[in-house]
Amino acid sequence: MDEDEAVEIANSTEFGLGAEIWSRNLERAQRLAKRIKSGFVAINGTVKLDPRLPFCGVKKSGIGRELSHYRLKEFVNIKTVVVNK
């Protein structure tokens, strides 16, 4: 199996909560992590919660963010104001 096939299999699920990549080649792992459709990707470790990091899923794995300052933003409305001179 090559990289493209592995990414295709990983992305073929309707869920996207967490993914793990195990590799001795960190550059390759980081490149693959960018291609994985998942809310969390752990390289050479397991998916686990850390209150300092935002945690979320994509696809059918949840809405919004948990933990970190990103969670607070779920409770506010952001307003854009444009002023032309």
PDB file of N, CA and C in Angstrom:
ATOM      1  N   MET A   1       0.844  -1.172   0.000  1.00  0.00           N
ATOM      2  CA  MET A   1       0.000   0.000   0.000  1.00  0.00           C
ATOM      3  C   MET A   1       0.895   1.242   0.000  1.00  0.00           C
ATOM      4  N   ASP A   2       0.556   2.228  -0.833  1.00  0.00           N
ATOM      5  CA  ASP A   2       1.334   3.460  -0.842  1.00  0.00           C
ATOM      6  C   ASP A   2       0.596   4.555  -0.047  1.00  0.00           C
ATOM      7  N   GLU A   3       1.214   5.737   0.033  1.00  0.00           N
ATOM      8  CA  GLU A   3       0.648   6.847   0.809  1.00  0.00           C
ATOM      9  C   GLU A   3      -0.750   7.231   0.330  1.00  0.00           C
ATOM     10  N   ASP A   4      -0.907   7.344  -0.967  1.00  0.00           N
ATOM     11  CA  ASP A   4      -2.195   7.759  -1.510  1.00  0.00           C
ATOM     12  C   ASP A   4      -3.303   6.783  -1.137  1.00  0.00           C
ATOM     13  N   GLU A   5      -3.007   5.501  -1.209  1.00  0.00           N
ATOM     14  CA  GLU A   5      -4.005   4.483  -0.836  1.00  0.00           C
ATOM     15  C   GLU A   5      -4.340   4.570   0.644  1.00  0.00           C
ATOM     16  N   ALA A   6      -3.337   4.786   1.481  1.00  0.00           N
ATOM     17  CA  ALA A   6      -3.572   4.891   2.921  1.00  0.00           C
ATOM     18  C   ALA A   6      -4.447   6.101   3.251  1.00  0.00           C
ATOM     19  N   VAL A   7      -4.167   7.227   2.629  1.00  0.00           N
ATOM     20  CA  VAL A   7      -4.973   8.438   2.853  1.00  0.00           C
ATOM     21  C   VAL A   7      -6.395   8.219   2.355  1.00  0.00           C
ATOM     22  N   GLU A   8      -6.534   7.585   1.197  1.00  0.00           N
ATOM     23  CA  GLU A   8      -7.863   7.318   0.651  1.00  0.00           C
ATOM     24  C   GLU A   8      -8.683   6.444   1.599  1.00  0.00           C
ATOM     25  N   ILE A   9      -8.067   5.425   2.161  1.00  0.00           N
ATOM     26  CA  ILE A   9      -8.766   4.553   3.107  1.00  0.00           C
ATOM     27  C   ILE A   9      -9.136   5.326   4.373  1.00  0.00           C
ATOM     28  N   ALA A  10      -8.192   6.098   4.894  1.00  0.00           N
ATOM     29  CA  ALA A  10      -8.453   6.873   6.112  1.00  0.00           C
ATOM     30  C   ALA A  10      -9.581   7.870   5.901  1.00  0.00           C
ATOM     31  N   ASN A  11      -9.646   8.474   4.744  1.00  0.00           N
ATOM     32  CA  ASN A  11     -10.654   9.498   4.470  1.00  0.00           C
ATOM     33  C   ASN A  11     -11.976   8.927   3.975  1.00  0.00           C
ATOM     34  N   SER A  12     -12.036   7.626   3.718  1.00  0.00           N
ATOM     35  CA  SER A  12     -13.241   7.040   3.141  1.00  0.00           C
ATOM     36  C   SER A  12     -14.376   6.866   4.148  1.00  0.00           C
ATOM     37  N   THR A  13     -14.091   6.986   5.421  1.00  0.00           N
ATOM     38  CA  THR A  13     -15.134   6.837   6.430  1.00  0.00           C
ATOM     39  C   THR A  13     -15.966   8.110   6.531  1.00  0.00           C
ATOM     40  N   GLU A  14     -17.200   7.981   6.994  1.00  0.00           N
ATOM     41  CA  GLU A  14     -18.044   9.158   7.162  1.00  0.00           C
ATOM     42  C   GLU A  14     -17.744   9.889   8.467  1.00  0.00           C
ATOM     43  N   PHE A  15     -16.817   9.376   9.247  1.00  0.00           N
ATOM     44  CA  PHE A  15     -16.450   9.992  10.513  1.00  0.00           C
ATOM     45  C   PHE A  15     -15.045  10.567  10.433  1.00  0.00           C
ATOM     46  N   GLY A  16     -14.720  11.460  11.350  1.00  0.00           N
ATOM     47  CA  GLY A  16     -13.401  12.067  11.340  1.00  0.00           C
ATOM     48  C   GLY A  16     -13.040  12.667  12.686  1.00  0.00           C
ATOM     49  N   LEU A  17     -13.118  11.871  13.736  1.00  0.00           N
ATOM     50  CA  LEU A  17     -12.812  12.391  15.067  1.00  0.00           C
ATOM     51  C   LEU A  17     -11.309  12.452  15.298  1.00  0.00           C
ATOM     52  N   GLY A  18     -10.628  11.320  15.189  1.00  0.00           N
ATOM     53  CA  GLY A  18      -9.196  11.299  15.447  1.00  0.00           C
ATOM     54  C   GLY A  18      -8.489  10.282  14.575  1.00  0.00           C
ATOM     55  N   ALA A  19      -7.224  10.564  14.295  1.00  0.00           N
ATOM     56  CA  ALA A  19      -6.403   9.666  13.485  1.00  0.00           C
ATOM     57  C   ALA A  19      -5.004   9.617  14.076  1.00  0.00           C
ATOM     58  N   GLU A  20      -4.318   8.528  13.840  1.00  0.00           N
ATOM     59  CA  GLU A  20      -2.933   8.366  14.294  1.00  0.00           C
ATOM     60  C   GLU A  20      -2.062   7.992  13.111  1.00  0.00           C
ATOM     61  N   ILE A  21      -0.869   8.571  13.083  1.00  0.00           N
ATOM     62  CA  ILE A  21       0.125   8.227  12.070  1.00  0.00           C
ATOM     63  C   ILE A  21       1.385   7.817  12.814  1.00  0.00           C
ATOM     64  N   TRP A  22       1.881   6.653  12.505  1.00  0.00           N
ATOM     65  CA  TRP A  22       3.100   6.154  13.136  1.00  0.00           C
ATOM     66  C   TRP A  22       4.173   6.062  12.060  1.00  0.00           C
ATOM     67  N   SER A  23       5.292   6.746  12.261  1.00  0.00           N
ATOM     68  CA  SER A  23       6.337   6.767  11.245  1.00  0.00           C
ATOM     69  C   SER A  23       7.660   7.206  11.849  1.00  0.00           C
ATOM     70  N   ARG A  24       8.741   6.704  11.317  1.00  0.00           N
ATOM     71  CA  ARG A  24      10.073   7.190  11.696  1.00  0.00           C
ATOM     72  C   ARG A  24      10.418   8.476  10.950  1.00  0.00           C
ATOM     73  N   ASN A  25       9.710   8.733   9.852  1.00  0.00           N
ATOM     74  CA  ASN A  25       9.959   9.898   9.015  1.00  0.00           C
ATOM     75  C   ASN A  25       8.935  10.980   9.375  1.00  0.00           C
ATOM     76  N   LEU A  26       9.340  11.938  10.224  1.00  0.00           N
ATOM     77  CA  LEU A  26       8.406  12.957  10.700  1.00  0.00           C
ATOM     78  C   LEU A  26       7.939  13.897   9.597  1.00  0.00           C
ATOM     79  N   GLU A  27       8.788  14.214   8.650  1.00  0.00           N
ATOM     80  CA  GLU A  27       8.366  15.077   7.543  1.00  0.00           C
ATOM     81  C   GLU A  27       7.255  14.409   6.741  1.00  0.00           C
ATOM     82  N   ARG A  28       7.413  13.136   6.484  1.00  0.00           N
ATOM     83  CA  ARG A  28       6.386  12.387   5.756  1.00  0.00           C
ATOM     84  C   ARG A  28       5.098  12.329   6.567  1.00  0.00           C
ATOM     85  N   ALA A  29       5.203  12.083   7.859  1.00  0.00           N
ATOM     86  CA  ALA A  29       4.024  12.002   8.722  1.00  0.00           C
ATOM     87  C   ALA A  29       3.280  13.335   8.751  1.00  0.00           C
ATOM     88  N   GLN A  30       4.009  14.438   8.823  1.00  0.00           N
ATOM     89  CA  GLN A  30       3.364  15.756   8.835  1.00  0.00           C
ATOM     90  C   GLN A  30       2.685  16.047   7.500  1.00  0.00           C
ATOM     91  N   ARG A  31       3.294  15.634   6.434  1.00  0.00           N
ATOM     92  CA  ARG A  31       2.700  15.808   5.111  1.00  0.00           C
ATOM     93  C   ARG A  31       1.398  14.997   5.015  1.00  0.00           C
ATOM     94  N   LEU A  32       1.417  13.779   5.528  1.00  0.00           N
ATOM     95  CA  LEU A  32       0.221  12.945   5.505  1.00  0.00           C
ATOM     96  C   LEU A  32      -0.862  13.508   6.416  1.00  0.00           C
ATOM     97  N   ALA A  33      -0.468  14.040   7.565  1.00  0.00           N
ATOM     98  CA  ALA A  33      -1.444  14.589   8.516  1.00  0.00           C
ATOM     99  C   ALA A  33      -2.266  15.700   7.874  1.00  0.00           C
ATOM    100  N   LYS A  34      -1.658  16.488   7.017  1.00  0.00           N
ATOM    101  CA  LYS A  34      -2.375  17.562   6.332  1.00  0.00           C
ATOM    102  C   LYS A  34      -3.443  17.020   5.392  1.00  0.00           C
ATOM    103  N   ARG A  35      -3.264  15.802   4.937  1.00  0.00           N
ATOM    104  CA  ARG A  35      -4.194  15.206   3.973  1.00  0.00           C
ATOM    105  C   ARG A  35      -5.308  14.404   4.625  1.00  0.00           C
ATOM    106  N   ILE A  36      -5.148  14.074   5.884  1.00  0.00           N
ATOM    107  CA  ILE A  36      -6.150  13.277   6.596  1.00  0.00           C
ATOM    108  C   ILE A  36      -7.306  14.175   7.020  1.00  0.00           C
ATOM    109  N   LYS A  37      -8.525  13.788   6.692  1.00  0.00           N
ATOM    110  CA  LYS A  37      -9.715  14.558   7.064  1.00  0.00           C
ATOM    111  C   LYS A  37     -10.177  14.105   8.443  1.00  0.00           C
ATOM    112  N   SER A  38      -9.584  14.717   9.450  1.00  0.00           N
ATOM    113  CA  SER A  38      -9.867  14.368  10.831  1.00  0.00           C
ATOM    114  C   SER A  38      -9.683  15.608  11.697  1.00  0.00           C
ATOM    115  N   GLY A  39     -10.452  15.695  12.758  1.00  0.00           N
ATOM    116  CA  GLY A  39     -10.335  16.844  13.647  1.00  0.00           C
ATOM    117  C   GLY A  39      -9.070  16.833  14.478  1.00  0.00           C
ATOM    118  N   PHE A  40      -8.461  15.681  14.648  1.00  0.00           N
ATOM    119  CA  PHE A  40      -7.266  15.530  15.477  1.00  0.00           C
ATOM    120  C   PHE A  40      -6.386  14.476  14.827  1.00  0.00           C
ATOM    121  N   VAL A  41      -5.130  14.774  14.655  1.00  0.00           N
ATOM    122  CA  VAL A  41      -4.174  13.784  14.145  1.00  0.00           C
ATOM    123  C   VAL A  41      -2.994  13.730  15.107  1.00  0.00           C
ATOM    124  N   ALA A  42      -2.712  12.553  15.619  1.00  0.00           N
ATOM    125  CA  ALA A  42      -1.553  12.344  16.492  1.00  0.00           C
ATOM    126  C   ALA A  42      -0.474  11.634  15.682  1.00  0.00           C
ATOM    127  N   ILE A  43       0.744  12.151  15.768  1.00  0.00           N
ATOM    128  CA  ILE A  43       1.877  11.524  15.090  1.00  0.00           C
ATOM    129  C   ILE A  43       2.732  10.844  16.153  1.00  0.00           C
ATOM    130  N   ASN A  44       2.936   9.557  15.988  1.00  0.00           N
ATOM    131  CA  ASN A  44       3.711   8.730  16.923  1.00  0.00           C
ATOM    132  C   ASN A  44       3.181   8.837  18.356  1.00  0.00           C
ATOM    133  N   GLY A  45       1.880   8.856  18.469  1.00  0.00           N
ATOM    134  CA  GLY A  45       1.217   8.892  19.768  1.00  0.00           C
ATOM    135  C   GLY A  45      -0.259   8.599  19.566  1.00  0.00           C
ATOM    136  N   THR A  46      -0.993   8.590  20.661  1.00  0.00           N
ATOM    137  CA  THR A  46      -2.413   8.280  20.584  1.00  0.00           C
ATOM    138  C   THR A  46      -3.241   9.555  20.674  1.00  0.00           C
ATOM    139  N   VAL A  47      -4.436   9.483  20.134  1.00  0.00           N
ATOM    140  CA  VAL A  47      -5.381  10.593  20.224  1.00  0.00           C
ATOM    141  C   VAL A  47      -5.845  10.665  21.670  1.00  0.00           C
ATOM    142  N   LYS A  48      -5.639  11.830  22.299  1.00  0.00           N
ATOM    143  CA  LYS A  48      -6.079  12.001  23.684  1.00  0.00           C
ATOM    144  C   LYS A  48      -6.389  13.463  23.942  1.00  0.00           C
ATOM    145  N   LEU A  49      -7.252  13.698  24.880  1.00  0.00           N
ATOM    146  CA  LEU A  49      -7.653  15.064  25.220  1.00  0.00           C
ATOM    147  C   LEU A  49      -6.570  15.765  26.023  1.00  0.00           C
ATOM    148  N   ASP A  50      -6.408  17.038  25.727  1.00  0.00           N
ATOM    149  CA  ASP A  50      -5.495  17.906  26.473  1.00  0.00           C
ATOM    150  C   ASP A  50      -6.203  19.254  26.561  1.00  0.00           C
ATOM    151  N   PRO A  51      -6.463  19.759  27.762  1.00  0.00           N
ATOM    152  CA  PRO A  51      -7.231  20.999  27.881  1.00  0.00           C
ATOM    153  C   PRO A  51      -6.587  22.204  27.204  1.00  0.00           C
ATOM    154  N   ARG A  52      -5.318  22.111  26.852  1.00  0.00           N
ATOM    155  CA  ARG A  52      -4.652  23.222  26.163  1.00  0.00           C
ATOM    156  C   ARG A  52      -4.897  23.213  24.666  1.00  0.00           C
ATOM    157  N   LEU A  53      -5.433  22.112  24.152  1.00  0.00           N
ATOM    158  CA  LEU A  53      -5.599  21.960  22.706  1.00  0.00           C
ATOM    159  C   LEU A  53      -7.070  21.867  22.335  1.00  0.00           C
ATOM    160  N   PRO A  54      -7.474  22.497  21.227  1.00  0.00           N
ATOM    161  CA  PRO A  54      -8.857  22.337  20.784  1.00  0.00           C
ATOM    162  C   PRO A  54      -9.088  20.900  20.329  1.00  0.00           C
ATOM    163  N   PHE A  55     -10.265  20.380  20.599  1.00  0.00           N
ATOM    164  CA  PHE A  55     -10.600  19.020  20.203  1.00  0.00           C
ATOM    165  C   PHE A  55     -11.939  19.066  19.488  1.00  0.00           C
ATOM    166  N   CYS A  56     -11.996  18.458  18.326  1.00  0.00           N
ATOM    167  CA  CYS A  56     -13.236  18.447  17.564  1.00  0.00           C
ATOM    168  C   CYS A  56     -13.185  17.316  16.553  1.00  0.00           C
ATOM    169  N   GLY A  57     -14.316  17.057  15.986  1.00  0.00           N
ATOM    170  CA  GLY A  57     -14.381  16.109  14.898  1.00  0.00           C
ATOM    171  C   GLY A  57     -14.808  16.809  13.634  1.00  0.00           C
ATOM    172  N   VAL A  58     -14.705  16.122  12.528  1.00  0.00           N
ATOM    173  CA  VAL A  58     -15.198  16.617  11.251  1.00  0.00           C
ATOM    174  C   VAL A  58     -16.146  15.566  10.693  1.00  0.00           C
ATOM    175  N   LYS A  59     -16.792  15.898   9.614  1.00  0.00           N
ATOM    176  CA  LYS A  59     -17.793  15.035   8.989  1.00  0.00           C
ATOM    177  C   LYS A  59     -18.887  14.739  10.014  1.00  0.00           C
ATOM    178  N   LYS A  60     -19.205  13.480  10.282  1.00  0.00           N
ATOM    179  CA  LYS A  60     -20.275  13.131  11.225  1.00  0.00           C
ATOM    180  C   LYS A  60     -19.742  12.887  12.640  1.00  0.00           C
ATOM    181  N   SER A  61     -18.668  13.541  12.984  1.00  0.00           N
ATOM    182  CA  SER A  61     -18.057  13.336  14.302  1.00  0.00           C
ATOM    183  C   SER A  61     -18.134  14.587  15.172  1.00  0.00           C
ATOM    184  N   GLY A  62     -19.236  15.270  15.123  1.00  0.00           N
ATOM    185  CA  GLY A  62     -19.411  16.373  16.051  1.00  0.00           C
ATOM    186  C   GLY A  62     -19.435  17.737  15.409  1.00  0.00           C
ATOM    187  N   ILE A  63     -19.896  18.668  16.221  1.00  0.00           N
ATOM    188  CA  ILE A  63     -20.017  20.054  15.800  1.00  0.00           C
ATOM    189  C   ILE A  63     -19.301  20.911  16.817  1.00  0.00           C
ATOM    190  N   GLY A  64     -18.507  21.852  16.371  1.00  0.00           N
ATOM    191  CA  GLY A  64     -17.867  22.780  17.286  1.00  0.00           C
ATOM    192  C   GLY A  64     -16.586  22.231  17.885  1.00  0.00           C
ATOM    193  N   ARG A  65     -16.039  23.025  18.791  1.00  0.00           N
ATOM    194  CA  ARG A  65     -14.764  22.697  19.428  1.00  0.00           C
ATOM    195  C   ARG A  65     -14.953  22.516  20.916  1.00  0.00           C
ATOM    196  N   GLU A  66     -14.184  21.631  21.480  1.00  0.00           N
ATOM    197  CA  GLU A  66     -14.125  21.465  22.927  1.00  0.00           C
ATOM    198  C   GLU A  66     -12.744  21.889  23.391  1.00  0.00           C
ATOM    199  N   LEU A  67     -12.660  22.327  24.603  1.00  0.00           N
ATOM    200  CA  LEU A  67     -11.402  22.660  25.262  1.00  0.00           C
ATOM    201  C   LEU A  67     -10.743  23.902  24.648  1.00  0.00           C
ATOM    202  N   SER A  68      -9.758  24.427  25.278  1.00  0.00           N
ATOM    203  CA  SER A  68      -8.953  25.585  24.890  1.00  0.00           C
ATOM    204  C   SER A  68      -9.814  26.837  24.683  1.00  0.00           C
ATOM    205  N   HIS A  69      -9.182  27.896  24.265  1.00  0.00           N
ATOM    206  CA  HIS A  69      -9.899  29.158  24.063  1.00  0.00           C
ATOM    207  C   HIS A  69     -10.870  29.078  22.892  1.00  0.00           C
ATOM    208  N   TYR A  70     -10.713  28.110  22.007  1.00  0.00           N
ATOM    209  CA  TYR A  70     -11.631  27.976  20.889  1.00  0.00           C
ATOM    210  C   TYR A  70     -13.035  27.615  21.365  1.00  0.00           C
ATOM    211  N   ARG A  71     -13.121  26.908  22.467  1.00  0.00           N
ATOM    212  CA  ARG A  71     -14.434  26.538  23.015  1.00  0.00           C
ATOM    213  C   ARG A  71     -15.204  27.785  23.425  1.00  0.00           C
ATOM    214  N   LEU A  72     -14.519  28.753  24.004  1.00  0.00           N
ATOM    215  CA  LEU A  72     -15.189  29.981  24.417  1.00  0.00           C
ATOM    216  C   LEU A  72     -15.809  30.704  23.231  1.00  0.00           C
ATOM    217  N   LYS A  73     -15.198  30.608  22.086  1.00  0.00           N
ATOM    218  CA  LYS A  73     -15.703  31.287  20.900  1.00  0.00           C
ATOM    219  C   LYS A  73     -17.019  30.689  20.405  1.00  0.00           C
ATOM    220  N   GLU A  74     -17.374  29.515  20.881  1.00  0.00           N
ATOM    221  CA  GLU A  74     -18.661  28.918  20.527  1.00  0.00           C
ATOM    222  C   GLU A  74     -19.816  29.712  21.129  1.00  0.00           C
ATOM    223  N   PHE A  75     -19.535  30.521  22.137  1.00  0.00           N
ATOM    224  CA  PHE A  75     -20.577  31.237  22.858  1.00  0.00           C
ATOM    225  C   PHE A  75     -20.665  32.711  22.493  1.00  0.00           C
ATOM    226  N   VAL A  76     -19.930  33.151  21.515  1.00  0.00           N
ATOM    227  CA  VAL A  76     -19.952  34.558  21.132  1.00  0.00           C
ATOM    228  C   VAL A  76     -20.265  34.690  19.645  1.00  0.00           C
ATOM    229  N   ASN A  77     -20.781  35.842  19.296  1.00  0.00           N
ATOM    230  CA  ASN A  77     -21.000  36.167  17.890  1.00  0.00           C
ATOM    231  C   ASN A  77     -19.938  37.165  17.475  1.00  0.00           C
ATOM    232  N   ILE A  78     -19.324  36.929  16.372  1.00  0.00           N
ATOM    233  CA  ILE A  78     -18.319  37.837  15.857  1.00  0.00           C
ATOM    234  C   ILE A  78     -18.971  38.754  14.839  1.00  0.00           C
ATOM    235  N   LYS A  79     -18.743  40.031  14.979  1.00  0.00           N
ATOM    236  CA  LYS A  79     -19.309  41.002  14.066  1.00  0.00           C
ATOM    237  C   LYS A  79     -18.202  41.614  13.223  1.00  0.00           C
ATOM    238  N   THR A  80     -18.460  41.719  11.942  1.00  0.00           N
ATOM    239  CA  THR A  80     -17.521  42.373  11.038  1.00  0.00           C
ATOM    240  C   THR A  80     -18.055  43.767  10.719  1.00  0.00           C
ATOM    241  N   VAL A  81     -17.206  44.766  10.886  1.00  0.00           N
ATOM    242  CA  VAL A  81     -17.570  46.138  10.549  1.00  0.00           C
ATOM    243  C   VAL A  81     -16.534  46.643   9.553  1.00  0.00           C
ATOM    244  N   VAL A  82     -16.982  47.117   8.407  1.00  0.00           N
ATOM    245  CA  VAL A  82     -16.099  47.636   7.377  1.00  0.00           C
ATOM    246  C   VAL A  82     -16.375  49.131   7.226  1.00  0.00           C
ATOM    247  N   VAL A  83     -15.331  49.937   7.309  1.00  0.00           N
ATOM    248  CA  VAL A  83     -15.458  51.383   7.157  1.00  0.00           C
ATOM    249  C   VAL A  83     -14.689  51.796   5.905  1.00  0.00           C
ATOM    250  N   ASN A  84     -15.379  52.430   4.983  1.00  0.00           N
ATOM    251  CA  ASN A  84     -14.744  52.943   3.775  1.00  0.00           C
ATOM    252  C   ASN A  84     -14.580  54.437   3.926  1.00  0.00           C
ATOM    253  N   LYS A  85     -13.396  54.938   3.634  1.00  0.00           N
ATOM    254  CA  LYS A  85     -13.149  56.379   3.752  1.00  0.00           C
ATOM    255  C   LYS A  85     -13.203  57.035   2.400  1.00  0.00           C
TER     256      LYS A  85
END
